[in-house]
């Protein structure tokens, strides 16, 4: 039994001295790096943003109309088979 206790101590994994990613210093470093990366972003202008938003809204309506019509058609088809 005493031999087992010694083997547990010798098999213990030695940790290197890296700080925890949740340490306050590490969190502060992360936030600073995020601020630097946000500064590198090239944001689109207002015209581009409005254009792309319009495309998304139109495509949403088109796809929802298509899916709604397919659902209605398949529902009627299944209902006719069940009669």
PDB file of N, CA and C in Angstrom:
ATOM      1  N   UNK A   1       0.810  -1.194   0.000  1.00  0.00           N
ATOM      2  CA  UNK A   1       0.000   0.000   0.000  1.00  0.00           C
ATOM      3  C   UNK A   1       0.853   1.258   0.000  1.00  0.00           C
ATOM      4  N   UNK A   2       1.922   1.237   0.754  1.00  0.00           N
ATOM      5  CA  UNK A   2       2.763   2.425   0.829  1.00  0.00           C
ATOM      6  C   UNK A   2       3.419   2.698  -0.520  1.00  0.00           C
ATOM      7  N   UNK A   3       3.679   1.631  -1.293  1.00  0.00           N
ATOM      8  CA  UNK A   3       4.292   1.804  -2.604  1.00  0.00           C
ATOM      9  C   UNK A   3       3.366   2.527  -3.578  1.00  0.00           C
ATOM     10  N   UNK A   4       2.068   2.290  -3.424  1.00  0.00           N
ATOM     11  CA  UNK A   4       1.114   2.950  -4.310  1.00  0.00           C
ATOM     12  C   UNK A   4       1.062   4.451  -4.049  1.00  0.00           C
ATOM     13  N   UNK A   5       1.134   4.846  -2.787  1.00  0.00           N
ATOM     14  CA  UNK A   5       1.092   6.263  -2.455  1.00  0.00           C
ATOM     15  C   UNK A   5       2.293   6.986  -3.049  1.00  0.00           C
ATOM     16  N   UNK A   6       3.448   6.352  -3.005  1.00  0.00           N
ATOM     17  CA  UNK A   6       4.642   6.968  -3.574  1.00  0.00           C
ATOM     18  C   UNK A   6       4.530   7.079  -5.088  1.00  0.00           C
ATOM     19  N   UNK A   7       3.937   6.058  -5.741  1.00  0.00           N
ATOM     20  CA  UNK A   7       3.843   6.101  -7.197  1.00  0.00           C
ATOM     21  C   UNK A   7       2.889   7.203  -7.662  1.00  0.00           C
ATOM     22  N   UNK A   8       1.867   7.524  -6.862  1.00  0.00           N
ATOM     23  CA  UNK A   8       0.959   8.604  -7.223  1.00  0.00           C
ATOM     24  C   UNK A   8       1.696   9.935  -7.221  1.00  0.00           C
ATOM     25  N   UNK A   9       2.562  10.132  -6.232  1.00  0.00           N
ATOM     26  CA  UNK A   9       3.312  11.378  -6.166  1.00  0.00           C
ATOM     27  C   UNK A   9       4.298  11.478  -7.308  1.00  0.00           C
ATOM     28  N   UNK A  10       4.931  10.376  -7.682  1.00  0.00           N
ATOM     29  CA  UNK A  10       5.920  10.430  -8.741  1.00  0.00           C
ATOM     30  C   UNK A  10       5.255  10.576 -10.113  1.00  0.00           C
ATOM     31  N   UNK A  11       3.985  10.153 -10.254  1.00  0.00           N
ATOM     32  CA  UNK A  11       3.282  10.256 -11.523  1.00  0.00           C
ATOM     33  C   UNK A  11       2.555  11.588 -11.683  1.00  0.00           C
ATOM     34  N   UNK A  12       2.642  12.443 -10.685  1.00  0.00           N
ATOM     35  CA  UNK A  12       1.941  13.730 -10.763  1.00  0.00           C
ATOM     36  C   UNK A  12       2.499  14.551 -11.919  1.00  0.00           C
ATOM     37  N   UNK A  13       1.590  15.182 -12.659  1.00  0.00           N
ATOM     38  CA  UNK A  13       1.994  15.984 -13.811  1.00  0.00           C
ATOM     39  C   UNK A  13       2.514  17.322 -13.308  1.00  0.00           C
ATOM     40  N   UNK A  14       3.705  17.672 -13.737  1.00  0.00           N
ATOM     41  CA  UNK A  14       4.257  18.953 -13.318  1.00  0.00           C
ATOM     42  C   UNK A  14       3.715  20.038 -14.232  1.00  0.00           C
ATOM     43  N   UNK A  15       3.202  21.104 -13.631  1.00  0.00           N
ATOM     44  CA  UNK A  15       2.646  22.217 -14.398  1.00  0.00           C
ATOM     45  C   UNK A  15       3.769  23.192 -14.728  1.00  0.00           C
ATOM     46  N   UNK A  16       3.722  23.706 -15.975  1.00  0.00           N
ATOM     47  CA  UNK A  16       4.666  24.757 -16.294  1.00  0.00           C
ATOM     48  C   UNK A  16       4.095  26.062 -15.743  1.00  0.00           C
ATOM     49  N   UNK A  17       4.867  27.077 -15.722  1.00  0.00           N
ATOM     50  CA  UNK A  17       4.482  28.319 -15.052  1.00  0.00           C
ATOM     51  C   UNK A  17       3.686  29.261 -15.950  1.00  0.00           C
ATOM     52  N   UNK A  18       2.767  28.743 -16.754  1.00  0.00           N
ATOM     53  CA  UNK A  18       1.924  29.611 -17.576  1.00  0.00           C
ATOM     54  C   UNK A  18       0.744  30.087 -16.732  1.00  0.00           C
ATOM     55  N   UNK A  19       0.419  31.357 -16.824  1.00  0.00           N
ATOM     56  CA  UNK A  19      -0.692  31.881 -16.025  1.00  0.00           C
ATOM     57  C   UNK A  19      -2.026  31.397 -16.575  1.00  0.00           C
ATOM     58  N   UNK A  20      -3.001  31.409 -15.725  1.00  0.00           N
ATOM     59  CA  UNK A  20      -4.350  31.015 -16.117  1.00  0.00           C
ATOM     60  C   UNK A  20      -4.903  32.014 -17.128  1.00  0.00           C
ATOM     61  N   UNK A  21      -5.660  31.548 -18.132  1.00  0.00           N
ATOM     62  CA  UNK A  21      -6.225  32.494 -19.096  1.00  0.00           C
ATOM     63  C   UNK A  21      -7.281  33.399 -18.478  1.00  0.00           C
ATOM     64  N   UNK A  22      -7.741  33.067 -17.284  1.00  0.00           N
ATOM     65  CA  UNK A  22      -8.752  33.871 -16.606  1.00  0.00           C
ATOM     66  C   UNK A  22      -8.164  34.800 -15.552  1.00  0.00           C
ATOM     67  N   UNK A  23      -6.846  34.878 -15.504  1.00  0.00           N
ATOM     68  CA  UNK A  23      -6.190  35.793 -14.578  1.00  0.00           C
ATOM     69  C   UNK A  23      -6.456  37.226 -15.033  1.00  0.00           C
ATOM     70  N   UNK A  24      -6.593  38.163 -14.114  1.00  0.00           N
ATOM     71  CA  UNK A  24      -6.891  39.546 -14.503  1.00  0.00           C
ATOM     72  C   UNK A  24      -5.899  40.132 -15.508  1.00  0.00           C
ATOM     73  N   UNK A  25      -4.656  39.808 -15.382  1.00  0.00           N
ATOM     74  CA  UNK A  25      -3.652  40.335 -16.317  1.00  0.00           C
ATOM     75  C   UNK A  25      -3.876  39.773 -17.713  1.00  0.00           C
ATOM     76  N   UNK A  26      -4.236  38.500 -17.794  1.00  0.00           N
ATOM     77  CA  UNK A  26      -4.498  37.881 -19.089  1.00  0.00           C
ATOM     78  C   UNK A  26      -5.761  38.448 -19.725  1.00  0.00           C
ATOM     79  N   UNK A  27      -6.781  38.707 -18.923  1.00  0.00           N
ATOM     80  CA  UNK A  27      -8.031  39.283 -19.438  1.00  0.00           C
ATOM     81  C   UNK A  27      -7.764  40.683 -19.969  1.00  0.00           C
ATOM     82  N   UNK A  28      -6.978  41.468 -19.235  1.00  0.00           N
ATOM     83  CA  UNK A  28      -6.642  42.822 -19.665  1.00  0.00           C
ATOM     84  C   UNK A  28      -5.863  42.785 -20.984  1.00  0.00           C
ATOM     85  N   UNK A  29      -4.938  41.861 -21.101  1.00  0.00           N
ATOM     86  CA  UNK A  29      -4.158  41.715 -22.326  1.00  0.00           C
ATOM     87  C   UNK A  29      -5.071  41.350 -23.494  1.00  0.00           C
ATOM     88  N   UNK A  30      -6.011  40.447 -23.258  1.00  0.00           N
ATOM     89  CA  UNK A  30      -6.948  40.040 -24.304  1.00  0.00           C
ATOM     90  C   UNK A  30      -7.791  41.219 -24.782  1.00  0.00           C
ATOM     91  N   UNK A  31      -8.316  42.012 -23.842  1.00  0.00           N
ATOM     92  CA  UNK A  31      -9.151  43.158 -24.191  1.00  0.00           C
ATOM     93  C   UNK A  31      -8.346  44.173 -24.998  1.00  0.00           C
ATOM     94  N   UNK A  32      -7.106  44.401 -24.631  1.00  0.00           N
ATOM     95  CA  UNK A  32      -6.250  45.325 -25.374  1.00  0.00           C
ATOM     96  C   UNK A  32      -6.008  44.822 -26.793  1.00  0.00           C
ATOM     97  N   UNK A  33      -5.808  43.519 -26.951  1.00  0.00           N
ATOM     98  CA  UNK A  33      -5.597  42.954 -28.275  1.00  0.00           C
ATOM     99  C   UNK A  33      -6.859  43.065 -29.126  1.00  0.00           C
ATOM    100  N   UNK A  34      -8.012  42.898 -28.504  1.00  0.00           N
ATOM    101  CA  UNK A  34      -9.281  43.034 -29.227  1.00  0.00           C
ATOM    102  C   UNK A  34      -9.450  44.467 -29.717  1.00  0.00           C
ATOM    103  N   UNK A  35      -9.108  45.446 -28.869  1.00  0.00           N
ATOM    104  CA  UNK A  35      -9.205  46.855 -29.274  1.00  0.00           C
ATOM    105  C   UNK A  35      -8.308  47.132 -30.475  1.00  0.00           C
ATOM    106  N   UNK A  36      -7.110  46.569 -30.484  1.00  0.00           N
ATOM    107  CA  UNK A  36      -6.193  46.765 -31.599  1.00  0.00           C
ATOM    108  C   UNK A  36      -6.773  46.159 -32.872  1.00  0.00           C
ATOM    109  N   UNK A  37      -7.337  44.967 -32.778  1.00  0.00           N
ATOM    110  CA  UNK A  37      -7.908  44.314 -33.951  1.00  0.00           C
ATOM    111  C   UNK A  37      -9.134  45.063 -34.463  1.00  0.00           C
ATOM    112  N   UNK A  38      -9.958  45.612 -33.568  1.00  0.00           N
ATOM    113  CA  UNK A  38     -11.114  46.391 -34.000  1.00  0.00           C
ATOM    114  C   UNK A  38     -10.670  47.640 -34.754  1.00  0.00           C
ATOM    115  N   UNK A  39      -9.530  48.174 -34.409  1.00  0.00           N
ATOM    116  CA  UNK A  39      -9.014  49.334 -35.122  1.00  0.00           C
ATOM    117  C   UNK A  39      -8.611  49.009 -36.555  1.00  0.00           C
ATOM    118  N   UNK A  40      -8.332  47.751 -36.852  1.00  0.00           N
ATOM    119  CA  UNK A  40      -7.923  47.329 -38.190  1.00  0.00           C
ATOM    120  C   UNK A  40      -9.112  47.066 -39.113  1.00  0.00           C
ATOM    121  N   UNK A  41     -10.322  47.016 -38.577  1.00  0.00           N
ATOM    122  CA  UNK A  41     -11.503  46.691 -39.376  1.00  0.00           C
ATOM    123  C   UNK A  41     -11.829  47.848 -40.313  1.00  0.00           C
ATOM    124  N   UNK A  42     -12.117  47.510 -41.556  1.00  0.00           N
ATOM    125  CA  UNK A  42     -12.566  48.502 -42.529  1.00  0.00           C
ATOM    126  C   UNK A  42     -14.080  48.352 -42.635  1.00  0.00           C
ATOM    127  N   UNK A  43     -14.813  49.273 -42.018  1.00  0.00           N
ATOM    128  CA  UNK A  43     -16.270  49.193 -41.992  1.00  0.00           C
ATOM    129  C   UNK A  43     -16.834  49.708 -43.309  1.00  0.00           C
ATOM    130  N   UNK A  44     -17.925  49.078 -43.816  1.00  0.00           N
ATOM    131  CA  UNK A  44     -18.526  49.568 -45.060  1.00  0.00           C
ATOM    132  C   UNK A  44     -19.219  50.909 -44.840  1.00  0.00           C
ATOM    133  N   UNK A  45     -19.359  51.674 -45.935  1.00  0.00           N
ATOM    134  CA  UNK A  45     -20.026  52.963 -45.812  1.00  0.00           C
ATOM    135  C   UNK A  45     -21.548  52.758 -45.746  1.00  0.00           C
ATOM    136  N   UNK A  46     -22.266  53.846 -45.520  1.00  0.00           N
ATOM    137  CA  UNK A  46     -23.708  53.767 -45.306  1.00  0.00           C
ATOM    138  C   UNK A  46     -24.433  53.224 -46.531  1.00  0.00           C
ATOM    139  N   UNK A  47     -24.006  53.632 -47.732  1.00  0.00           N
ATOM    140  CA  UNK A  47     -24.668  53.189 -48.955  1.00  0.00           C
ATOM    141  C   UNK A  47     -24.549  51.672 -49.124  1.00  0.00           C
ATOM    142  N   UNK A  48     -23.378  51.136 -48.875  1.00  0.00           N
ATOM    143  CA  UNK A  48     -23.156  49.695 -48.999  1.00  0.00           C
ATOM    144  C   UNK A  48     -23.977  48.937 -47.958  1.00  0.00           C
ATOM    145  N   UNK A  49     -24.010  49.440 -46.745  1.00  0.00           N
ATOM    146  CA  UNK A  49     -24.763  48.789 -45.677  1.00  0.00           C
ATOM    147  C   UNK A  49     -26.252  48.752 -46.000  1.00  0.00           C
ATOM    148  N   UNK A  50     -26.798  49.868 -46.479  1.00  0.00           N
ATOM    149  CA  UNK A  50     -28.224  49.902 -46.824  1.00  0.00           C
ATOM    150  C   UNK A  50     -28.523  48.984 -48.008  1.00  0.00           C
ATOM    151  N   UNK A  51     -27.642  48.933 -48.976  1.00  0.00           N
ATOM    152  CA  UNK A  51     -27.839  48.057 -50.125  1.00  0.00           C
ATOM    153  C   UNK A  51     -27.856  46.590 -49.737  1.00  0.00           C
ATOM    154  N   UNK A  52     -26.889  46.193 -48.936  1.00  0.00           N
ATOM    155  CA  UNK A  52     -26.826  44.801 -48.504  1.00  0.00           C
ATOM    156  C   UNK A  52     -27.996  44.434 -47.592  1.00  0.00           C
ATOM    157  N   UNK A  53     -28.437  45.382 -46.758  1.00  0.00           N
ATOM    158  CA  UNK A  53     -29.592  45.142 -45.905  1.00  0.00           C
ATOM    159  C   UNK A  53     -30.842  44.942 -46.756  1.00  0.00           C
ATOM    160  N   UNK A  54     -30.995  45.742 -47.804  1.00  0.00           N
ATOM    161  CA  UNK A  54     -32.129  45.590 -48.712  1.00  0.00           C
ATOM    162  C   UNK A  54     -32.133  44.233 -49.387  1.00  0.00           C
ATOM    163  N   UNK A  55     -30.953  43.780 -49.824  1.00  0.00           N
ATOM    164  CA  UNK A  55     -30.852  42.464 -50.452  1.00  0.00           C
ATOM    165  C   UNK A  55     -31.273  41.367 -49.486  1.00  0.00           C
ATOM    166  N   UNK A  56     -30.836  41.463 -48.253  1.00  0.00           N
ATOM    167  CA  UNK A  56     -31.189  40.452 -47.248  1.00  0.00           C
ATOM    168  C   UNK A  56     -32.697  40.439 -47.012  1.00  0.00           C
ATOM    169  N   UNK A  57     -33.317  41.616 -46.920  1.00  0.00           N
ATOM    170  CA  UNK A  57     -34.761  41.681 -46.667  1.00  0.00           C
ATOM    171  C   UNK A  57     -35.535  41.108 -47.857  1.00  0.00           C
ATOM    172  N   UNK A  58     -35.150  41.471 -49.079  1.00  0.00           N
ATOM    173  CA  UNK A  58     -35.845  40.952 -50.271  1.00  0.00           C
ATOM    174  C   UNK A  58     -35.690  39.435 -50.364  1.00  0.00           C
ATOM    175  N   UNK A  59     -34.482  38.935 -50.170  1.00  0.00           N
ATOM    176  CA  UNK A  59     -34.268  37.489 -50.226  1.00  0.00           C
ATOM    177  C   UNK A  59     -35.044  36.759 -49.137  1.00  0.00           C
ATOM    178  N   UNK A  60     -35.175  37.363 -47.974  1.00  0.00           N
ATOM    179  CA  UNK A  60     -35.950  36.749 -46.901  1.00  0.00           C
ATOM    180  C   UNK A  60     -37.405  36.597 -47.307  1.00  0.00           C
ATOM    181  N   UNK A  61     -37.985  37.637 -47.909  1.00  0.00           N
ATOM    182  CA  UNK A  61     -39.376  37.550 -48.360  1.00  0.00           C
ATOM    183  C   UNK A  61     -39.536  36.537 -49.491  1.00  0.00           C
ATOM    184  N   UNK A  62     -38.614  36.512 -50.436  1.00  0.00           N
ATOM    185  CA  UNK A  62     -38.710  35.579 -51.559  1.00  0.00           C
ATOM    186  C   UNK A  62     -38.623  34.137 -51.070  1.00  0.00           C
ATOM    187  N   UNK A  63     -37.658  33.862 -50.223  1.00  0.00           N
ATOM    188  CA  UNK A  63     -37.481  32.490 -49.727  1.00  0.00           C
ATOM    189  C   UNK A  63     -38.655  32.079 -48.842  1.00  0.00           C
ATOM    190  N   UNK A  64     -39.167  32.991 -48.015  1.00  0.00           N
ATOM    191  CA  UNK A  64     -40.311  32.632 -47.169  1.00  0.00           C
ATOM    192  C   UNK A  64     -41.554  32.392 -48.017  1.00  0.00           C
ATOM    193  N   UNK A  65     -41.755  33.158 -49.097  1.00  0.00           N
ATOM    194  CA  UNK A  65     -42.896  32.924 -49.986  1.00  0.00           C
ATOM    195  C   UNK A  65     -42.749  31.569 -50.679  1.00  0.00           C
ATOM    196  N   UNK A  66     -41.548  31.254 -51.131  1.00  0.00           N
ATOM    197  CA  UNK A  66     -41.316  29.961 -51.772  1.00  0.00           C
ATOM    198  C   UNK A  66     -41.580  28.809 -50.802  1.00  0.00           C
ATOM    199  N   UNK A  67     -41.008  28.884 -49.613  1.00  0.00           N
ATOM    200  CA  UNK A  67     -41.195  27.803 -48.645  1.00  0.00           C
ATOM    201  C   UNK A  67     -42.653  27.693 -48.206  1.00  0.00           C
ATOM    202  N   UNK A  68     -43.327  28.831 -48.068  1.00  0.00           N
ATOM    203  CA  UNK A  68     -44.745  28.800 -47.711  1.00  0.00           C
ATOM    204  C   UNK A  68     -45.581  28.146 -48.785  1.00  0.00           C
ATOM    205  N   UNK A  69     -45.306  28.445 -50.055  1.00  0.00           N
ATOM    206  CA  UNK A  69     -46.072  27.836 -51.147  1.00  0.00           C
ATOM    207  C   UNK A  69     -45.783  26.343 -51.256  1.00  0.00           C
ATOM    208  N   UNK A  70     -44.534  25.933 -51.076  1.00  0.00           N
ATOM    209  CA  UNK A  70     -44.199  24.504 -51.096  1.00  0.00           C
ATOM    210  C   UNK A  70     -44.893  23.788 -49.949  1.00  0.00           C
ATOM    211  N   UNK A  71     -44.920  24.396 -48.775  1.00  0.00           N
ATOM    212  CA  UNK A  71     -45.588  23.796 -47.630  1.00  0.00           C
ATOM    213  C   UNK A  71     -47.087  23.655 -47.895  1.00  0.00           C
ATOM    214  N   UNK A  72     -47.707  24.688 -48.457  1.00  0.00           N
ATOM    215  CA  UNK A  72     -49.131  24.638 -48.762  1.00  0.00           C
ATOM    216  C   UNK A  72     -49.422  23.557 -49.804  1.00  0.00           C
ATOM    217  N   UNK A  73     -48.611  23.488 -50.847  1.00  0.00           N
ATOM    218  CA  UNK A  73     -48.793  22.499 -51.903  1.00  0.00           C
ATOM    219  C   UNK A  73     -48.637  21.079 -51.360  1.00  0.00           C
ATOM    220  N   UNK A  74     -47.588  20.847 -50.605  1.00  0.00           N
ATOM    221  CA  UNK A  74     -47.368  19.509 -50.051  1.00  0.00           C
ATOM    222  C   UNK A  74     -48.445  19.143 -49.037  1.00  0.00           C
ATOM    223  N   UNK A  75     -48.922  20.114 -48.266  1.00  0.00           N
ATOM    224  CA  UNK A  75     -50.004  19.851 -47.320  1.00  0.00           C
ATOM    225  C   UNK A  75     -51.271  19.428 -48.024  1.00  0.00           C
ATOM    226  N   UNK A  76     -51.622  20.099 -49.118  1.00  0.00           N
ATOM    227  CA  UNK A  76     -52.814  19.726 -49.891  1.00  0.00           C
ATOM    228  C   UNK A  76     -52.616  18.372 -50.560  1.00  0.00           C
ATOM    229  N   UNK A  77     -51.416  18.101 -51.047  1.00  0.00           N
ATOM    230  CA  UNK A  77     -51.123  16.822 -51.683  1.00  0.00           C
ATOM    231  C   UNK A  77     -51.258  15.673 -50.688  1.00  0.00           C
ATOM    232  N   UNK A  78     -50.719  15.813 -49.517  1.00  0.00           N
ATOM    233  CA  UNK A  78     -50.821  14.789 -48.484  1.00  0.00           C
ATOM    234  C   UNK A  78     -52.271  14.625 -48.042  1.00  0.00           C
ATOM    235  N   UNK A  79     -52.993  15.725 -47.894  1.00  0.00           N
ATOM    236  CA  UNK A  79     -54.408  15.659 -47.496  1.00  0.00           C
ATOM    237  C   UNK A  79     -55.237  14.923 -48.551  1.00  0.00           C
ATOM    238  N   UNK A  80     -54.919  15.108 -49.820  1.00  0.00           N
ATOM    239  CA  UNK A  80     -55.683  14.419 -50.856  1.00  0.00           C
ATOM    240  C   UNK A  80     -55.395  12.919 -50.854  1.00  0.00           C
ATOM    241  N   UNK A  81     -54.153  12.533 -50.504  1.00  0.00           N
ATOM    242  CA  UNK A  81     -53.832  11.096 -50.421  1.00  0.00           C
ATOM    243  C   UNK A  81     -54.509  10.449 -49.215  1.00  0.00           C
ATOM    244  N   UNK A  82     -54.687  11.183 -48.149  1.00  0.00           N
ATOM    245  CA  UNK A  82     -55.257  10.617 -46.928  1.00  0.00           C
ATOM    246  C   UNK A  82     -56.775  10.477 -47.011  1.00  0.00           C
ATOM    247  N   UNK A  83     -57.447  11.089 -47.979  1.00  0.00           N
ATOM    248  CA  UNK A  83     -58.901  10.970 -48.111  1.00  0.00           C
ATOM    249  C   UNK A  83     -59.306   9.724 -48.750  1.00  0.00           C
TER     250      UNK A  83
END
